[in-house]
């Protein structure tokens, strides 16, 4: 996800959360309360996916560095 996409996602997610909380406070509707819970769950899930994605990127970069180092050492060994 690019920086612009993240900013847009966070902006709209925050807007959605604020609007639903506003509606929840103005109404006693149980469905709106469930929408708040669902939105919270979705946000937590997306945050976890982002963390996992960042960890994968770090792991890939580390493995790439190790491979390049090994290739360089092998080249000098020949």
PDB file of N, CA and C in Angstrom:
ATOM      1  N   UNK A   1       0.845  -1.165   0.000  1.00  0.00           N
ATOM      2  CA  UNK A   1       0.000   0.000   0.000  1.00  0.00           C
ATOM      3  C   UNK A   1       0.897   1.237   0.000  1.00  0.00           C
ATOM      4  N   UNK A   2       0.637   2.135  -0.912  1.00  0.00           N
ATOM      5  CA  UNK A   2       1.448   3.345  -0.981  1.00  0.00           C
ATOM      6  C   UNK A   2       1.047   4.302   0.151  1.00  0.00           C
ATOM      7  N   UNK A   3       1.879   5.295   0.367  1.00  0.00           N
ATOM      8  CA  UNK A   3       1.600   6.275   1.413  1.00  0.00           C
ATOM      9  C   UNK A   3       0.268   6.979   1.151  1.00  0.00           C
ATOM     10  N   UNK A   4       0.008   7.345  -0.089  1.00  0.00           N
ATOM     11  CA  UNK A   4      -1.242   8.026  -0.436  1.00  0.00           C
ATOM     12  C   UNK A   4      -2.442   7.118  -0.179  1.00  0.00           C
ATOM     13  N   UNK A   5      -2.311   5.846  -0.508  1.00  0.00           N
ATOM     14  CA  UNK A   5      -3.396   4.896  -0.252  1.00  0.00           C
ATOM     15  C   UNK A   5      -3.644   4.744   1.248  1.00  0.00           C
ATOM     16  N   UNK A   6      -2.558   4.673   2.030  1.00  0.00           N
ATOM     17  CA  UNK A   6      -2.706   4.560   3.484  1.00  0.00           C
ATOM     18  C   UNK A   6      -3.409   5.782   4.053  1.00  0.00           C
ATOM     19  N   UNK A   7      -3.003   6.964   3.599  1.00  0.00           N
ATOM     20  CA  UNK A   7      -3.619   8.184   4.096  1.00  0.00           C
ATOM     21  C   UNK A   7      -5.103   8.226   3.743  1.00  0.00           C
ATOM     22  N   UNK A   8      -5.436   7.836   2.526  1.00  0.00           N
ATOM     23  CA  UNK A   8      -6.831   7.812   2.105  1.00  0.00           C
ATOM     24  C   UNK A   8      -7.622   6.794   2.917  1.00  0.00           C
ATOM     25  N   UNK A   9      -7.053   5.611   3.106  1.00  0.00           N
ATOM     26  CA  UNK A   9      -7.717   4.571   3.896  1.00  0.00           C
ATOM     27  C   UNK A   9      -7.982   5.067   5.316  1.00  0.00           C
ATOM     28  N   UNK A  10      -6.963   5.613   5.958  1.00  0.00           N
ATOM     29  CA  UNK A  10      -7.117   6.082   7.335  1.00  0.00           C
ATOM     30  C   UNK A  10      -8.140   7.212   7.434  1.00  0.00           C
ATOM     31  N   UNK A  11      -8.099   8.110   6.453  1.00  0.00           N
ATOM     32  CA  UNK A  11      -9.045   9.223   6.441  1.00  0.00           C
ATOM     33  C   UNK A  11     -10.475   8.708   6.364  1.00  0.00           C
ATOM     34  N   UNK A  12     -10.763   7.830   5.405  1.00  0.00           N
ATOM     35  CA  UNK A  12     -12.124   7.337   5.220  1.00  0.00           C
ATOM     36  C   UNK A  12     -12.555   6.420   6.357  1.00  0.00           C
ATOM     37  N   UNK A  13     -11.630   5.643   6.891  1.00  0.00           N
ATOM     38  CA  UNK A  13     -11.974   4.777   8.018  1.00  0.00           C
ATOM     39  C   UNK A  13     -12.317   5.616   9.239  1.00  0.00           C
ATOM     40  N   UNK A  14     -11.556   6.672   9.461  1.00  0.00           N
ATOM     41  CA  UNK A  14     -11.834   7.569  10.581  1.00  0.00           C
ATOM     42  C   UNK A  14     -13.174   8.276  10.371  1.00  0.00           C
ATOM     43  N   UNK A  15     -13.438   8.729   9.146  1.00  0.00           N
ATOM     44  CA  UNK A  15     -14.716   9.375   8.844  1.00  0.00           C
ATOM     45  C   UNK A  15     -15.872   8.419   9.124  1.00  0.00           C
ATOM     46  N   UNK A  16     -15.741   7.172   8.644  1.00  0.00           N
ATOM     47  CA  UNK A  16     -16.774   6.172   8.854  1.00  0.00           C
ATOM     48  C   UNK A  16     -17.001   5.923  10.340  1.00  0.00           C
ATOM     49  N   UNK A  17     -15.906   5.756  11.073  1.00  0.00           N
ATOM     50  CA  UNK A  17     -16.029   5.516  12.512  1.00  0.00           C
ATOM     51  C   UNK A  17     -16.711   6.666  13.232  1.00  0.00           C
ATOM     52  N   UNK A  18     -16.299   7.885  12.922  1.00  0.00           N
ATOM     53  CA  UNK A  18     -16.903   9.051  13.574  1.00  0.00           C
ATOM     54  C   UNK A  18     -18.389   9.175  13.244  1.00  0.00           C
ATOM     55  N   UNK A  19     -18.738   8.927  11.986  1.00  0.00           N
ATOM     56  CA  UNK A  19     -20.131   9.042  11.557  1.00  0.00           C
ATOM     57  C   UNK A  19     -20.994   7.982  12.233  1.00  0.00           C
ATOM     58  N   UNK A  20     -20.490   6.755  12.294  1.00  0.00           N
ATOM     59  CA  UNK A  20     -21.260   5.684  12.923  1.00  0.00           C
ATOM     60  C   UNK A  20     -21.422   5.952  14.424  1.00  0.00           C
ATOM     61  N   UNK A  21     -20.384   6.441  15.070  1.00  0.00           N
ATOM     62  CA  UNK A  21     -20.493   6.781  16.502  1.00  0.00           C
ATOM     63  C   UNK A  21     -21.521   7.896  16.704  1.00  0.00           C
ATOM     64  N   UNK A  22     -21.514   8.864  15.799  1.00  0.00           N
ATOM     65  CA  UNK A  22     -22.492   9.951  15.862  1.00  0.00           C
ATOM     66  C   UNK A  22     -23.912   9.389  15.738  1.00  0.00           C
ATOM     67  N   UNK A  23     -24.110   8.486  14.779  1.00  0.00           N
ATOM     68  CA  UNK A  23     -25.430   7.875  14.591  1.00  0.00           C
ATOM     69  C   UNK A  23     -25.820   7.007  15.793  1.00  0.00           C
ATOM     70  N   UNK A  24     -24.831   6.290  16.347  1.00  0.00           N
ATOM     71  CA  UNK A  24     -25.098   5.439  17.509  1.00  0.00           C
ATOM     72  C   UNK A  24     -25.572   6.282  18.693  1.00  0.00           C
ATOM     73  N   UNK A  25     -24.886   7.408  18.901  1.00  0.00           N
ATOM     74  CA  UNK A  25     -25.242   8.268  20.030  1.00  0.00           C
ATOM     75  C   UNK A  25     -26.613   8.915  19.844  1.00  0.00           C
ATOM     76  N   UNK A  26     -27.002   9.157  18.597  1.00  0.00           N
ATOM     77  CA  UNK A  26     -28.289   9.793  18.315  1.00  0.00           C
ATOM     78  C   UNK A  26     -29.430   8.777  18.293  1.00  0.00           C
ATOM     79  N   UNK A  27     -29.090   7.499  18.259  1.00  0.00           N
ATOM     80  CA  UNK A  27     -30.115   6.467  18.138  1.00  0.00           C
ATOM     81  C   UNK A  27     -29.818   5.325  19.099  1.00  0.00           C
ATOM     82  N   UNK A  28     -30.860   4.631  19.486  1.00  0.00           N
ATOM     83  CA  UNK A  28     -30.687   3.464  20.336  1.00  0.00           C
ATOM     84  C   UNK A  28     -30.695   2.175  19.519  1.00  0.00           C
ATOM     85  N   UNK A  29     -30.558   2.308  18.210  1.00  0.00           N
ATOM     86  CA  UNK A  29     -30.643   1.163  17.305  1.00  0.00           C
ATOM     87  C   UNK A  29     -29.496   0.187  17.555  1.00  0.00           C
ATOM     88  N   UNK A  30     -29.853  -1.067  17.812  1.00  0.00           N
ATOM     89  CA  UNK A  30     -28.849  -2.083  18.097  1.00  0.00           C
ATOM     90  C   UNK A  30     -27.989  -2.390  16.868  1.00  0.00           C
ATOM     91  N   UNK A  31     -28.563  -2.267  15.668  1.00  0.00           N
ATOM     92  CA  UNK A  31     -27.791  -2.520  14.445  1.00  0.00           C
ATOM     93  C   UNK A  31     -26.621  -1.549  14.317  1.00  0.00           C
ATOM     94  N   UNK A  32     -26.844  -0.307  14.693  1.00  0.00           N
ATOM     95  CA  UNK A  32     -25.763   0.684  14.615  1.00  0.00           C
ATOM     96  C   UNK A  32     -24.660   0.324  15.607  1.00  0.00           C
ATOM     97  N   UNK A  33     -25.031  -0.153  16.783  1.00  0.00           N
ATOM     98  CA  UNK A  33     -24.028  -0.583  17.761  1.00  0.00           C
ATOM     99  C   UNK A  33     -23.213  -1.755  17.206  1.00  0.00           C
ATOM    100  N   UNK A  34     -23.880  -2.647  16.482  1.00  0.00           N
ATOM    101  CA  UNK A  34     -23.172  -3.768  15.861  1.00  0.00           C
ATOM    102  C   UNK A  34     -22.265  -3.301  14.733  1.00  0.00           C
ATOM    103  N   UNK A  35     -22.666  -2.246  14.028  1.00  0.00           N
ATOM    104  CA  UNK A  35     -21.815  -1.687  12.974  1.00  0.00           C
ATOM    105  C   UNK A  35     -20.533  -1.129  13.593  1.00  0.00           C
ATOM    106  N   UNK A  36     -20.645  -0.514  14.759  1.00  0.00           N
ATOM    107  CA  UNK A  36     -19.456  -0.005  15.463  1.00  0.00           C
ATOM    108  C   UNK A  36     -18.523  -1.166  15.789  1.00  0.00           C
ATOM    109  N   UNK A  37     -19.063  -2.261  16.302  1.00  0.00           N
ATOM    110  CA  UNK A  37     -18.255  -3.426  16.638  1.00  0.00           C
ATOM    111  C   UNK A  37     -17.606  -4.012  15.381  1.00  0.00           C
ATOM    112  N   UNK A  38     -18.388  -4.103  14.296  1.00  0.00           N
ATOM    113  CA  UNK A  38     -17.867  -4.662  13.044  1.00  0.00           C
ATOM    114  C   UNK A  38     -16.758  -3.789  12.481  1.00  0.00           C
ATOM    115  N   UNK A  39     -16.958  -2.479  12.525  1.00  0.00           N
ATOM    116  CA  UNK A  39     -15.944  -1.554  12.026  1.00  0.00           C
ATOM    117  C   UNK A  39     -14.663  -1.679  12.836  1.00  0.00           C
ATOM    118  N   UNK A  40     -14.794  -1.844  14.132  1.00  0.00           N
ATOM    119  CA  UNK A  40     -13.635  -2.029  15.005  1.00  0.00           C
ATOM    120  C   UNK A  40     -12.893  -3.311  14.638  1.00  0.00           C
ATOM    121  N   UNK A  41     -13.618  -4.396  14.447  1.00  0.00           N
ATOM    122  CA  UNK A  41     -13.002  -5.673  14.069  1.00  0.00           C
ATOM    123  C   UNK A  41     -12.276  -5.570  12.734  1.00  0.00           C
ATOM    124  N   UNK A  42     -12.899  -4.917  11.773  1.00  0.00           N
ATOM    125  CA  UNK A  42     -12.273  -4.737  10.460  1.00  0.00           C
ATOM    126  C   UNK A  42     -10.987  -3.934  10.590  1.00  0.00           C
ATOM    127  N   UNK A  43     -11.039  -2.859  11.367  1.00  0.00           N
ATOM    128  CA  UNK A  43      -9.848  -2.034  11.569  1.00  0.00           C
ATOM    129  C   UNK A  43      -8.710  -2.813  12.206  1.00  0.00           C
ATOM    130  N   UNK A  44      -9.033  -3.621  13.217  1.00  0.00           N
ATOM    131  CA  UNK A  44      -8.004  -4.431  13.872  1.00  0.00           C
ATOM    132  C   UNK A  44      -7.418  -5.451  12.903  1.00  0.00           C
ATOM    133  N   UNK A  45      -8.262  -6.059  12.094  1.00  0.00           N
ATOM    134  CA  UNK A  45      -7.806  -7.060  11.133  1.00  0.00           C
ATOM    135  C   UNK A  45      -6.878  -6.439  10.086  1.00  0.00           C
ATOM    136  N   UNK A  46      -7.261  -5.286   9.578  1.00  0.00           N
ATOM    137  CA  UNK A  46      -6.434  -4.606   8.575  1.00  0.00           C
ATOM    138  C   UNK A  46      -5.099  -4.189   9.189  1.00  0.00           C
ATOM    139  N   UNK A  47      -5.122  -3.705  10.420  1.00  0.00           N
ATOM    140  CA  UNK A  47      -3.879  -3.318  11.093  1.00  0.00           C
ATOM    141  C   UNK A  47      -2.956  -4.523  11.247  1.00  0.00           C
ATOM    142  N   UNK A  48      -3.519  -5.674  11.614  1.00  0.00           N
ATOM    143  CA  UNK A  48      -2.715  -6.893  11.744  1.00  0.00           C
ATOM    144  C   UNK A  48      -2.123  -7.297  10.394  1.00  0.00           C
ATOM    145  N   UNK A  49      -2.925  -7.211   9.343  1.00  0.00           N
ATOM    146  CA  UNK A  49      -2.425  -7.539   8.004  1.00  0.00           C
ATOM    147  C   UNK A  49      -1.280  -6.606   7.598  1.00  0.00           C
ATOM    148  N   UNK A  50      -1.416  -5.335   7.929  1.00  0.00           N
ATOM    149  CA  UNK A  50      -0.352  -4.383   7.613  1.00  0.00           C
ATOM    150  C   UNK A  50       0.931  -4.735   8.361  1.00  0.00           C
ATOM    151  N   UNK A  51       0.813  -5.098   9.643  1.00  0.00           N
ATOM    152  CA  UNK A  51       1.989  -5.496  10.419  1.00  0.00           C
ATOM    153  C   UNK A  51       2.640  -6.737   9.819  1.00  0.00           C
ATOM    154  N   UNK A  52       1.823  -7.724   9.459  1.00  0.00           N
ATOM    155  CA  UNK A  52       2.362  -8.938   8.852  1.00  0.00           C
ATOM    156  C   UNK A  52       3.055  -8.626   7.530  1.00  0.00           C
ATOM    157  N   UNK A  53       2.466  -7.745   6.752  1.00  0.00           N
ATOM    158  CA  UNK A  53       3.052  -7.358   5.473  1.00  0.00           C
ATOM    159  C   UNK A  53       4.401  -6.680   5.668  1.00  0.00           C
ATOM    160  N   UNK A  54       4.494  -5.787   6.644  1.00  0.00           N
ATOM    161  CA  UNK A  54       5.757  -5.109   6.925  1.00  0.00           C
ATOM    162  C   UNK A  54       6.818  -6.108   7.388  1.00  0.00           C
ATOM    163  N   UNK A  55       6.419  -7.069   8.223  1.00  0.00           N
ATOM    164  CA  UNK A  55       7.361  -8.087   8.682  1.00  0.00           C
ATOM    165  C   UNK A  55       7.863  -8.927   7.503  1.00  0.00           C
ATOM    166  N   UNK A  56       6.974  -9.265   6.583  1.00  0.00           N
ATOM    167  CA  UNK A  56       7.368 -10.029   5.402  1.00  0.00           C
ATOM    168  C   UNK A  56       8.354  -9.231   4.547  1.00  0.00           C
ATOM    169  N   UNK A  57       8.087  -7.942   4.385  1.00  0.00           N
ATOM    170  CA  UNK A  57       8.999  -7.099   3.608  1.00  0.00           C
ATOM    171  C   UNK A  57      10.383  -7.060   4.254  1.00  0.00           C
ATOM    172  N   UNK A  58      10.421  -6.914   5.579  1.00  0.00           N
ATOM    173  CA  UNK A  58      11.708  -6.892   6.280  1.00  0.00           C
ATOM    174  C   UNK A  58      12.449  -8.217   6.109  1.00  0.00           C
ATOM    175  N   UNK A  59      11.708  -9.312   6.211  1.00  0.00           N
ATOM    176  CA  UNK A  59      12.310 -10.630   6.072  1.00  0.00           C
ATOM    177  C   UNK A  59      12.853 -10.839   4.651  1.00  0.00           C
ATOM    178  N   UNK A  60      12.097 -10.417   3.664  1.00  0.00           N
ATOM    179  CA  UNK A  60      12.531 -10.545   2.266  1.00  0.00           C
ATOM    180  C   UNK A  60      13.787  -9.723   2.030  1.00  0.00           C
ATOM    181  N   UNK A  61      13.813  -8.492   2.549  1.00  0.00           N
ATOM    182  CA  UNK A  61      14.992  -7.638   2.372  1.00  0.00           C
ATOM    183  C   UNK A  61      16.220  -8.243   3.044  1.00  0.00           C
ATOM    184  N   UNK A  62      16.033  -8.806   4.245  1.00  0.00           N
ATOM    185  CA  UNK A  62      17.149  -9.435   4.957  1.00  0.00           C
ATOM    186  C   UNK A  62      17.677 -10.638   4.173  1.00  0.00           C
ATOM    187  N   UNK A  63      16.764 -11.471   3.672  1.00  0.00           N
ATOM    188  CA  UNK A  63      17.179 -12.635   2.885  1.00  0.00           C
ATOM    189  C   UNK A  63      17.874 -12.206   1.591  1.00  0.00           C
ATOM    190  N   UNK A  64      17.401 -11.136   0.985  1.00  0.00           N
ATOM    191  CA  UNK A  64      18.028 -10.613  -0.230  1.00  0.00           C
ATOM    192  C   UNK A  64      19.452 -10.158   0.061  1.00  0.00           C
ATOM    193  N   UNK A  65      19.627  -9.442   1.195  1.00  0.00           N
ATOM    194  CA  UNK A  65      20.964  -8.995   1.582  1.00  0.00           C
ATOM    195  C   UNK A  65      21.897 -10.180   1.810  1.00  0.00           C
ATOM    196  N   UNK A  66      21.386 -11.199   2.503  1.00  0.00           N
ATOM    197  CA  UNK A  66      22.205 -12.390   2.757  1.00  0.00           C
ATOM    198  C   UNK A  66      22.579 -13.101   1.459  1.00  0.00           C
ATOM    199  N   UNK A  67      21.632 -13.197   0.535  1.00  0.00           N
ATOM    200  CA  UNK A  67      21.909 -13.833  -0.750  1.00  0.00           C
ATOM    201  C   UNK A  67      22.966 -13.056  -1.535  1.00  0.00           C
ATOM    202  N   UNK A  68      22.822 -11.747  -1.567  1.00  0.00           N
ATOM    203  CA  UNK A  68      23.792 -10.921  -2.293  1.00  0.00           C
ATOM    204  C   UNK A  68      25.178 -11.029  -1.669  1.00  0.00           C
ATOM    205  N   UNK A  69      25.224 -11.076  -0.341  1.00  0.00           N
ATOM    206  CA  UNK A  69      26.502 -11.220   0.352  1.00  0.00           C
ATOM    207  C   UNK A  69      27.130 -12.575   0.012  1.00  0.00           C
ATOM    208  N   UNK A  70      26.314 -13.621   0.010  1.00  0.00           N
ATOM    209  CA  UNK A  70      26.821 -14.958  -0.311  1.00  0.00           C
ATOM    210  C   UNK A  70      27.301 -15.026  -1.760  1.00  0.00           C
ATOM    211  N   UNK A  71      26.558 -14.403  -2.668  1.00  0.00           N
ATOM    212  CA  UNK A  71      26.970 -14.390  -4.066  1.00  0.00           C
ATOM    213  C   UNK A  71      28.288 -13.638  -4.238  1.00  0.00           C
ATOM    214  N   UNK A  72      28.429 -12.536  -3.509  1.00  0.00           N
ATOM    215  CA  UNK A  72      29.654 -11.747  -3.594  1.00  0.00           C
ATOM    216  C   UNK A  72      30.844 -12.552  -3.064  1.00  0.00           C
ATOM    217  N   UNK A  73      30.645 -13.234  -1.941  1.00  0.00           N
ATOM    218  CA  UNK A  73      31.714 -14.061  -1.388  1.00  0.00           C
ATOM    219  C   UNK A  73      32.068 -15.214  -2.327  1.00  0.00           C
ATOM    220  N   UNK A  74      31.066 -15.802  -2.942  1.00  0.00           N
ATOM    221  CA  UNK A  74      31.298 -16.892  -3.881  1.00  0.00           C
ATOM    222  C   UNK A  74      32.073 -16.390  -5.093  1.00  0.00           C
ATOM    223  N   UNK A  75      31.741 -15.203  -5.571  1.00  0.00           N
ATOM    224  CA  UNK A  75      32.408 -14.623  -6.721  1.00  0.00           C
ATOM    225  C   UNK A  75      33.887 -14.391  -6.403  1.00  0.00           C
ATOM    226  N   UNK A  76      34.169 -13.894  -5.205  1.00  0.00           N
ATOM    227  CA  UNK A  76      35.563 -13.636  -4.809  1.00  0.00           C
ATOM    228  C   UNK A  76      36.321 -14.951  -4.536  1.00  0.00           C
ATOM    229  N   UNK A  77      35.609 -15.986  -4.166  1.00  0.00           N
ATOM    230  CA  UNK A  77      36.211 -17.273  -3.893  1.00  0.00           C
ATOM    231  C   UNK A  77      36.740 -17.915  -5.164  1.00  0.00           C
ATOM    232  N   UNK A  78      36.024 -17.723  -6.272  1.00  0.00           N
ATOM    233  CA  UNK A  78      36.425 -18.322  -7.553  1.00  0.00           C
ATOM    234  C   UNK A  78      37.678 -17.675  -7.999  1.00  0.00           C
TER     235      UNK A  78
END
